[in-house]
Each structure stands twice: as C-alpha cells, then as structure tokens.
Amino acid sequence: MNSLKRAHFLRVSSKDQNTDRQLKKMDDLGIEERYIFVDKQSGKDFDRPRYKAMKTMIREGDLIYLDALDRLGRDYDGIIREWKEITRALNADIVVLENESLFDSRKFKTMGDLGKLLEDQFLSMLSYVAEQERKKTKQRQAEGIEVALGKGVRFGRPKQEVTEDFKAVYSEWKAGNLTAVSAMKQLGLKPNTFYRRAKEMET
C-alpha cells in the first residue's frame, strides 16, 4: 500500500459539519484530496471509520496534520495513547497546526530522550485542557437545557397533528378490520411513523 507521505485528519461534530476552513488549510499545504480524512461524528472514542482508514495507511516517515489537538480525540488518555502509537510505534510524525510551535513531533525527535520527556509533558498538559473544555461544554449544555425546560421549551421533533384520515384508518385497524401493513399503505406512512402516531392516539 502506498505511503501517505503528507495527510490530514479532521473531525467535525454532527452539529457543525462545515469543513471549508480546515480544507482550505490543507489545500494551502498541498495535500492531495485522497489523503484528507474527515469524520463527522463524536471524538469521544477512536472507533471512527475514516480515522481507522487513515491509521491502516500510515507508514514510517509519513506526516499527519491535525487542525487542533481535539481533532484527534477528546479523551485524555486516548489522545496520549494514539499520539504515541503514531509517532513512536508507527514512526510517523504529527503536526498540530493550532499549536505548531509546540506540537510538531519532528522537533521532539531531534532532541532524543529529552525531546520525549518534553513531548510527554506538553501532550499531557494540552490533552488535559482539551478534556476539561469538553466537560465544561457538556456542563453548560446541561445547564442550558435545564433553564430552557424551566421556561417551558420542548425539545425533539414537534408532535404532528393527527388527521381525520388517520383517525378513521386507526379505528379500523384497532377493530381488527385492517392489518397494520394495509393501514400504513392507505396512509402512506412508514412503520415507525404509523406506530408513533398510533401511540399518540392512545395517550
């Protein structure tokens, strides 16, 4: 398998899927599109399709760019474990663009054992900060939801008004005159939608 040579991994949450800013950076660095790996899901673990795909392609001497340390992940121990695996076990390099002056594994390698010590210290510090920020964000979200609920705000999908057609078909179905499949077909509804509205009729 070909070596990545120069690659970039980025992750965005499901709420913020705009990758344009990060992709612009990669274009400026001259990284080929096929070597840009994007996961649009949580960074709480490392069982992510594109991240796993990137790792299978990493070879000795490759250079991996991260937009920020939390693009790698948000778990304190996991970030350290993955960083060390890539830079020491796979003998590739990582550059964190947000903290490039501190986090360029190539610089640490030139310093021998002292470089490893300094790298471990910086990595532990920034990984800890990233995890604490994640916890603070979750706490603020929880507090915001609690305040909103106190004001009567309702979350989730709005409850759909049950139509007269649905009521008629529902009555026939409950009476045993129609199968569920026939009822769904008449109403043009998928099973989950049909049963959800049927439950609403019963509450």
C-alpha atoms as a PDB file:
ATOM      1  CA  MET A   1       0.000   0.000   0.000  1.00  0.00           C
ATOM      2  CA  ASN A   2       1.287   3.478  -0.815  1.00  0.00           C
ATOM      3  CA  SER A   3       2.530   5.687   1.998  1.00  0.00           C
ATOM      4  CA  LEU A   4       0.536   8.765   2.892  1.00  0.00           C
ATOM      5  CA  LYS A   5       3.651  10.989   2.939  1.00  0.00           C
ATOM      6  CA  ARG A   6       1.524  14.045   3.769  1.00  0.00           C
ATOM      7  CA  ALA A   7      -2.007  13.590   5.065  1.00  0.00           C
ATOM      8  CA  HIS A   8      -4.588  15.376   7.162  1.00  0.00           C
ATOM      9  CA  PHE A   9      -7.215  14.111   9.546  1.00  0.00           C
ATOM     10  CA  LEU A  10     -10.055  16.339  10.664  1.00  0.00           C
ATOM     11  CA  ARG A  11     -13.217  15.735  12.650  1.00  0.00           C
ATOM     12  CA  VAL A  12     -16.337  17.846  12.893  1.00  0.00           C
ATOM     13  CA  SER A  13     -19.392  17.292  15.040  1.00  0.00           C
ATOM     14  CA  SER A  14     -22.805  16.482  13.590  1.00  0.00           C
ATOM     15  CA  LYS A  15     -23.938  19.975  14.600  1.00  0.00           C
ATOM     16  CA  ASP A  16     -21.097  21.727  12.799  1.00  0.00           C
ATOM     17  CA  GLN A  17     -20.287  19.921   9.586  1.00  0.00           C
ATOM     18  CA  ASN A  18     -18.640  22.814   7.755  1.00  0.00           C
ATOM     19  CA  THR A  19     -15.141  21.655   6.817  1.00  0.00           C
ATOM     20  CA  ASP A  20     -14.321  24.531   4.430  1.00  0.00           C
ATOM     21  CA  ARG A  21     -11.951  26.335   6.795  1.00  0.00           C
ATOM     22  CA  GLN A  22      -9.924  23.224   7.558  1.00  0.00           C
ATOM     23  CA  LEU A  23      -9.924  22.058   3.940  1.00  0.00           C
ATOM     24  CA  LYS A  24      -8.546  25.457   2.862  1.00  0.00           C
ATOM     25  CA  LYS A  25      -5.584  24.910   5.170  1.00  0.00           C
ATOM     26  CA  MET A  26      -4.939  21.517   3.637  1.00  0.00           C
ATOM     27  CA  ASP A  27      -5.073  22.964   0.141  1.00  0.00           C
ATOM     28  CA  ASP A  28      -2.518  25.583   1.165  1.00  0.00           C
ATOM     29  CA  LEU A  29      -0.257  22.801   2.445  1.00  0.00           C
ATOM     30  CA  GLY A  30      -0.519  20.996  -0.885  1.00  0.00           C
ATOM     31  CA  ILE A  31      -2.143  17.838   0.480  1.00  0.00           C
ATOM     32  CA  GLU A  32      -3.911  15.681  -2.097  1.00  0.00           C
ATOM     33  CA  GLU A  33      -7.652  15.256  -1.609  1.00  0.00           C
ATOM     34  CA  ARG A  34      -7.346  11.473  -1.345  1.00  0.00           C
ATOM     35  CA  TYR A  35      -5.166  11.907   1.710  1.00  0.00           C
ATOM     36  CA  ILE A  36      -7.641  14.097   3.605  1.00  0.00           C
ATOM     37  CA  PHE A  37      -9.690  12.073   6.090  1.00  0.00           C
ATOM     38  CA  VAL A  38     -12.886  13.520   7.572  1.00  0.00           C
ATOM     39  CA  ASP A  39     -15.021  12.011  10.351  1.00  0.00           C
ATOM     40  CA  LYS A  40     -18.315  13.818  11.015  1.00  0.00           C
ATOM     41  CA  GLN A  41     -19.011  12.340  14.405  1.00  0.00           C
ATOM     42  CA  SER A  42     -18.050  12.432  18.040  1.00  0.00           C
ATOM     43  CA  GLY A  43     -14.430  12.349  19.088  1.00  0.00           C
ATOM     44  CA  LYS A  44     -15.169  10.558  22.342  1.00  0.00           C
ATOM     45  CA  ASP A  45     -13.561   7.353  21.060  1.00  0.00           C
ATOM     46  CA  PHE A  46     -11.324   6.217  18.218  1.00  0.00           C
ATOM     47  CA  ASP A  47     -13.664   3.707  16.588  1.00  0.00           C
ATOM     48  CA  ARG A  48     -14.328   6.106  13.700  1.00  0.00           C
ATOM     49  CA  PRO A  49     -14.328   4.875  10.076  1.00  0.00           C
ATOM     50  CA  ARG A  50     -12.108   7.493   8.413  1.00  0.00           C
ATOM     51  CA  TYR A  51      -9.698   7.685  11.339  1.00  0.00           C
ATOM     52  CA  LYS A  52      -9.282   3.900  11.259  1.00  0.00           C
ATOM     53  CA  ALA A  53      -8.791   4.045   7.485  1.00  0.00           C
ATOM     54  CA  MET A  54      -6.047   6.624   7.885  1.00  0.00           C
ATOM     55  CA  LYS A  55      -4.235   4.563  10.501  1.00  0.00           C
ATOM     56  CA  THR A  56      -4.142   1.492   8.276  1.00  0.00           C
ATOM     57  CA  MET A  57      -2.340   3.561   5.634  1.00  0.00           C
ATOM     58  CA  ILE A  58       0.278   5.170   7.879  1.00  0.00           C
ATOM     59  CA  ARG A  59       3.857   4.154   7.169  1.00  0.00           C
ATOM     60  CA  GLU A  60       7.208   5.159   8.641  1.00  0.00           C
ATOM     61  CA  GLY A  61       8.151   8.717   7.670  1.00  0.00           C
ATOM     62  CA  ASP A  62       4.585   9.876   6.968  1.00  0.00           C
ATOM     63  CA  LEU A  63       3.441  13.275   8.210  1.00  0.00           C
ATOM     64  CA  ILE A  64      -0.048  13.737   9.665  1.00  0.00           C
ATOM     65  CA  TYR A  65      -1.553  17.197  10.082  1.00  0.00           C
ATOM     66  CA  LEU A  66      -4.233  17.938  12.686  1.00  0.00           C
ATOM     67  CA  ASP A  67      -6.083  21.248  12.703  1.00  0.00           C
ATOM     68  CA  ALA A  68      -6.191  21.105  16.519  1.00  0.00           C
ATOM     69  CA  LEU A  69      -5.378  18.523  19.161  1.00  0.00           C
ATOM     70  CA  ASP A  70      -9.055  17.797  19.858  1.00  0.00           C
ATOM     71  CA  ARG A  71      -9.467  16.763  16.197  1.00  0.00           C
ATOM     72  CA  LEU A  72      -7.586  13.648  17.241  1.00  0.00           C
ATOM     73  CA  GLY A  73      -9.987  12.968  20.091  1.00  0.00           C
ATOM     74  CA  ARG A  74     -11.329  14.322  23.367  1.00  0.00           C
ATOM     75  CA  ASP A  75     -10.419  11.571  25.758  1.00  0.00           C
ATOM     76  CA  TYR A  76      -7.347  12.485  27.831  1.00  0.00           C
ATOM     77  CA  ASP A  77      -5.769   9.025  27.942  1.00  0.00           C
ATOM     78  CA  GLY A  78      -6.833   8.176  24.401  1.00  0.00           C
ATOM     79  CA  ILE A  79      -5.159  11.230  22.846  1.00  0.00           C
ATOM     80  CA  ILE A  80      -1.850  10.388  24.511  1.00  0.00           C
ATOM     81  CA  ARG A  81      -2.105   6.716  23.525  1.00  0.00           C
ATOM     82  CA  GLU A  82      -2.901   7.486  19.868  1.00  0.00           C
ATOM     83  CA  TRP A  83      -0.206  10.158  19.587  1.00  0.00           C
ATOM     84  CA  LYS A  84       2.461   7.822  20.926  1.00  0.00           C
ATOM     85  CA  GLU A  85       1.322   4.951  18.722  1.00  0.00           C
ATOM     86  CA  ILE A  86       1.543   7.071  15.577  1.00  0.00           C
ATOM     87  CA  THR A  87       4.805   8.836  16.399  1.00  0.00           C
ATOM     88  CA  ARG A  88       6.675   6.038  18.171  1.00  0.00           C
ATOM     89  CA  ALA A  89       5.212   2.674  17.175  1.00  0.00           C
ATOM     90  CA  LEU A  90       4.434   3.589  13.537  1.00  0.00           C
ATOM     91  CA  ASN A  91       7.329   6.083  13.438  1.00  0.00           C
ATOM     92  CA  ALA A  92       5.304   8.698  11.578  1.00  0.00           C
ATOM     93  CA  ASP A  93       5.015  12.372  12.573  1.00  0.00           C
ATOM     94  CA  ILE A  94       2.176  14.646  13.675  1.00  0.00           C
ATOM     95  CA  VAL A  95       1.874  18.409  13.375  1.00  0.00           C
ATOM     96  CA  VAL A  96      -0.936  20.221  15.225  1.00  0.00           C
ATOM     97  CA  LEU A  97      -1.489  23.394  13.214  1.00  0.00           C
ATOM     98  CA  GLU A  98      -3.159  25.255  16.080  1.00  0.00           C
ATOM     99  CA  ASN A  99      -0.059  24.778  18.279  1.00  0.00           C
ATOM    100  CA  GLU A 100       2.572  24.126  15.635  1.00  0.00           C
ATOM    101  CA  SER A 101       5.385  25.753  17.614  1.00  0.00           C
ATOM    102  CA  LEU A 102       4.818  23.262  20.431  1.00  0.00           C
ATOM    103  CA  PHE A 103       3.318  20.264  18.699  1.00  0.00           C
ATOM    104  CA  ASP A 104       5.485  19.123  15.847  1.00  0.00           C
ATOM    105  CA  SER A 105       6.729  15.648  16.702  1.00  0.00           C
ATOM    106  CA  ARG A 106       9.668  16.073  14.294  1.00  0.00           C
ATOM    107  CA  LYS A 107      11.155  18.734  16.585  1.00  0.00           C
ATOM    108  CA  PHE A 108      10.920  16.488  19.624  1.00  0.00           C
ATOM    109  CA  LYS A 109      12.586  13.588  17.811  1.00  0.00           C
ATOM    110  CA  THR A 110      15.685  15.668  17.076  1.00  0.00           C
ATOM    111  CA  MET A 111      16.147  16.169  20.841  1.00  0.00           C
ATOM    112  CA  GLY A 112      16.468  12.490  21.698  1.00  0.00           C
ATOM    113  CA  ASP A 113      15.367  11.345  25.165  1.00  0.00           C
ATOM    114  CA  LEU A 114      14.925  14.935  26.367  1.00  0.00           C
ATOM    115  CA  GLY A 115      12.556  15.517  23.447  1.00  0.00           C
ATOM    116  CA  LYS A 116      10.434  12.540  24.508  1.00  0.00           C
ATOM    117  CA  LEU A 117      10.219  13.935  28.035  1.00  0.00           C
ATOM    118  CA  LEU A 118       9.203  17.402  26.829  1.00  0.00           C
ATOM    119  CA  GLU A 119       6.740  15.935  24.342  1.00  0.00           C
ATOM    120  CA  ASP A 120       5.086  13.861  27.066  1.00  0.00           C
ATOM    121  CA  GLN A 121       4.730  16.919  29.290  1.00  0.00           C
ATOM    122  CA  PHE A 122       3.241  19.152  26.599  1.00  0.00           C
ATOM    123  CA  LEU A 123       0.955  16.420  25.352  1.00  0.00           C
ATOM    124  CA  SER A 124      -0.330  15.651  28.848  1.00  0.00           C
ATOM    125  CA  MET A 125      -0.993  19.319  29.518  1.00  0.00           C
ATOM    126  CA  LEU A 126      -2.863  20.073  26.310  1.00  0.00           C
ATOM    127  CA  SER A 127      -4.778  16.789  26.348  1.00  0.00           C
ATOM    128  CA  TYR A 128      -5.924  17.582  29.875  1.00  0.00           C
ATOM    129  CA  VAL A 129      -7.024  21.065  28.789  1.00  0.00           C
ATOM    130  CA  ALA A 130      -8.945  19.611  25.807  1.00  0.00           C
ATOM    131  CA  GLU A 131     -10.764  17.139  28.051  1.00  0.00           C
ATOM    132  CA  GLN A 132     -11.629  19.807  30.621  1.00  0.00           C
ATOM    133  CA  GLU A 133     -13.046  22.019  27.876  1.00  0.00           C
ATOM    134  CA  ARG A 134     -15.225  19.132  26.702  1.00  0.00           C
ATOM    135  CA  LYS A 135     -16.538  18.631  30.242  1.00  0.00           C
ATOM    136  CA  LYS A 136     -17.250  22.340  30.628  1.00  0.00           C
ATOM    137  CA  THR A 137     -19.112  22.378  27.308  1.00  0.00           C
ATOM    138  CA  LYS A 138     -21.272  19.425  28.373  1.00  0.00           C
ATOM    139  CA  GLN A 139     -21.983  21.085  31.699  1.00  0.00           C
ATOM    140  CA  ARG A 140     -23.007  24.351  30.005  1.00  0.00           C
ATOM    141  CA  GLN A 141     -25.264  22.417  27.631  1.00  0.00           C
ATOM    142  CA  ALA A 142     -26.916  20.578  30.528  1.00  0.00           C
ATOM    143  CA  GLU A 143     -27.433  23.842  32.407  1.00  0.00           C
ATOM    144  CA  GLY A 144     -28.874  25.480  29.284  1.00  0.00           C
ATOM    145  CA  ILE A 145     -31.327  22.603  28.752  1.00  0.00           C
ATOM    146  CA  GLU A 146     -32.417  22.767  32.402  1.00  0.00           C
ATOM    147  CA  VAL A 147     -33.101  26.512  32.115  1.00  0.00           C
ATOM    148  CA  ALA A 148     -34.986  26.040  28.829  1.00  0.00           C
ATOM    149  CA  LEU A 149     -37.136  23.255  30.300  1.00  0.00           C
ATOM    150  CA  GLY A 150     -37.923  25.530  33.224  1.00  0.00           C
ATOM    151  CA  LYS A 151     -39.225  28.087  30.741  1.00  0.00           C
ATOM    152  CA  GLY A 152     -41.440  25.500  29.052  1.00  0.00           C
ATOM    153  CA  VAL A 153     -39.263  24.915  25.976  1.00  0.00           C
ATOM    154  CA  ARG A 154     -39.861  21.488  24.448  1.00  0.00           C
ATOM    155  CA  PHE A 155     -37.084  19.577  22.699  1.00  0.00           C
ATOM    156  CA  GLY A 156     -37.251  16.955  19.996  1.00  0.00           C
ATOM    157  CA  ARG A 157     -39.458  16.543  16.960  1.00  0.00           C
ATOM    158  CA  PRO A 158     -42.668  18.584  17.071  1.00  0.00           C
ATOM    159  CA  LYS A 159     -45.774  16.484  17.653  1.00  0.00           C
ATOM    160  CA  GLN A 160     -47.680  16.056  14.407  1.00  0.00           C
ATOM    161  CA  GLU A 161     -51.388  16.736  14.380  1.00  0.00           C
ATOM    162  CA  VAL A 162     -53.385  13.551  13.948  1.00  0.00           C
ATOM    163  CA  THR A 163     -55.601  13.955  10.869  1.00  0.00           C
ATOM    164  CA  GLU A 164     -59.176  12.738  10.453  1.00  0.00           C
ATOM    165  CA  ASP A 165     -57.979  10.235   7.832  1.00  0.00           C
ATOM    166  CA  PHE A 166     -55.547   8.762  10.310  1.00  0.00           C
ATOM    167  CA  LYS A 167     -58.239   8.544  12.995  1.00  0.00           C
ATOM    168  CA  ALA A 168     -60.549   6.657  10.619  1.00  0.00           C
ATOM    169  CA  VAL A 169     -57.888   4.176   9.489  1.00  0.00           C
ATOM    170  CA  TYR A 170     -56.640   3.809  13.041  1.00  0.00           C
ATOM    171  CA  SER A 171     -60.133   2.888  14.223  1.00  0.00           C
ATOM    172  CA  GLU A 172     -60.441   0.240  11.512  1.00  0.00           C
ATOM    173  CA  TRP A 173     -57.025  -1.159  12.411  1.00  0.00           C
ATOM    174  CA  LYS A 174     -57.821  -1.301  16.142  1.00  0.00           C
ATOM    175  CA  ALA A 175     -61.114  -3.010  15.371  1.00  0.00           C
ATOM    176  CA  GLY A 176     -59.233  -5.720  13.501  1.00  0.00           C
ATOM    177  CA  ASN A 177     -60.700  -4.816  10.115  1.00  0.00           C
ATOM    178  CA  LEU A 178     -57.316  -3.761   8.685  1.00  0.00           C
ATOM    179  CA  THR A 179     -53.806  -5.141   9.021  1.00  0.00           C
ATOM    180  CA  ALA A 180     -51.080  -2.730  10.063  1.00  0.00           C
ATOM    181  CA  VAL A 181     -49.482  -3.072   6.615  1.00  0.00           C
ATOM    182  CA  SER A 182     -52.749  -2.146   4.882  1.00  0.00           C
ATOM    183  CA  ALA A 183     -53.262   0.792   7.240  1.00  0.00           C
ATOM    184  CA  MET A 184     -49.771   2.106   6.558  1.00  0.00           C
ATOM    185  CA  LYS A 185     -50.253   1.711   2.819  1.00  0.00           C
ATOM    186  CA  GLN A 186     -53.540   3.645   2.866  1.00  0.00           C
ATOM    187  CA  LEU A 187     -51.957   6.468   4.852  1.00  0.00           C
ATOM    188  CA  GLY A 188     -48.633   6.433   3.047  1.00  0.00           C
ATOM    189  CA  LEU A 189     -46.744   6.155   6.319  1.00  0.00           C
ATOM    190  CA  LYS A 190     -43.629   4.260   7.319  1.00  0.00           C
ATOM    191  CA  PRO A 191     -43.924   1.802  10.239  1.00  0.00           C
ATOM    192  CA  ASN A 192     -42.143   3.997  12.805  1.00  0.00           C
ATOM    193  CA  THR A 193     -44.331   6.990  11.913  1.00  0.00           C
ATOM    194  CA  PHE A 194     -47.535   4.935  11.955  1.00  0.00           C
ATOM    195  CA  TYR A 195     -46.857   3.373  15.339  1.00  0.00           C
ATOM    196  CA  ARG A 196     -45.706   6.677  16.830  1.00  0.00           C
ATOM    197  CA  ARG A 197     -48.967   8.369  15.845  1.00  0.00           C
ATOM    198  CA  ALA A 198     -50.950   5.352  16.996  1.00  0.00           C
ATOM    199  CA  LYS A 199     -49.272   5.684  20.382  1.00  0.00           C
ATOM    200  CA  GLU A 200     -50.189   9.375  20.448  1.00  0.00           C
ATOM    201  CA  MET A 201     -53.837   8.379  19.891  1.00  0.00           C
ATOM    202  CA  GLU A 202     -53.668   6.140  22.938  1.00  0.00           C
ATOM    203  CA  THR A 203     -52.180   8.706  25.310  1.00  0.00           C
END
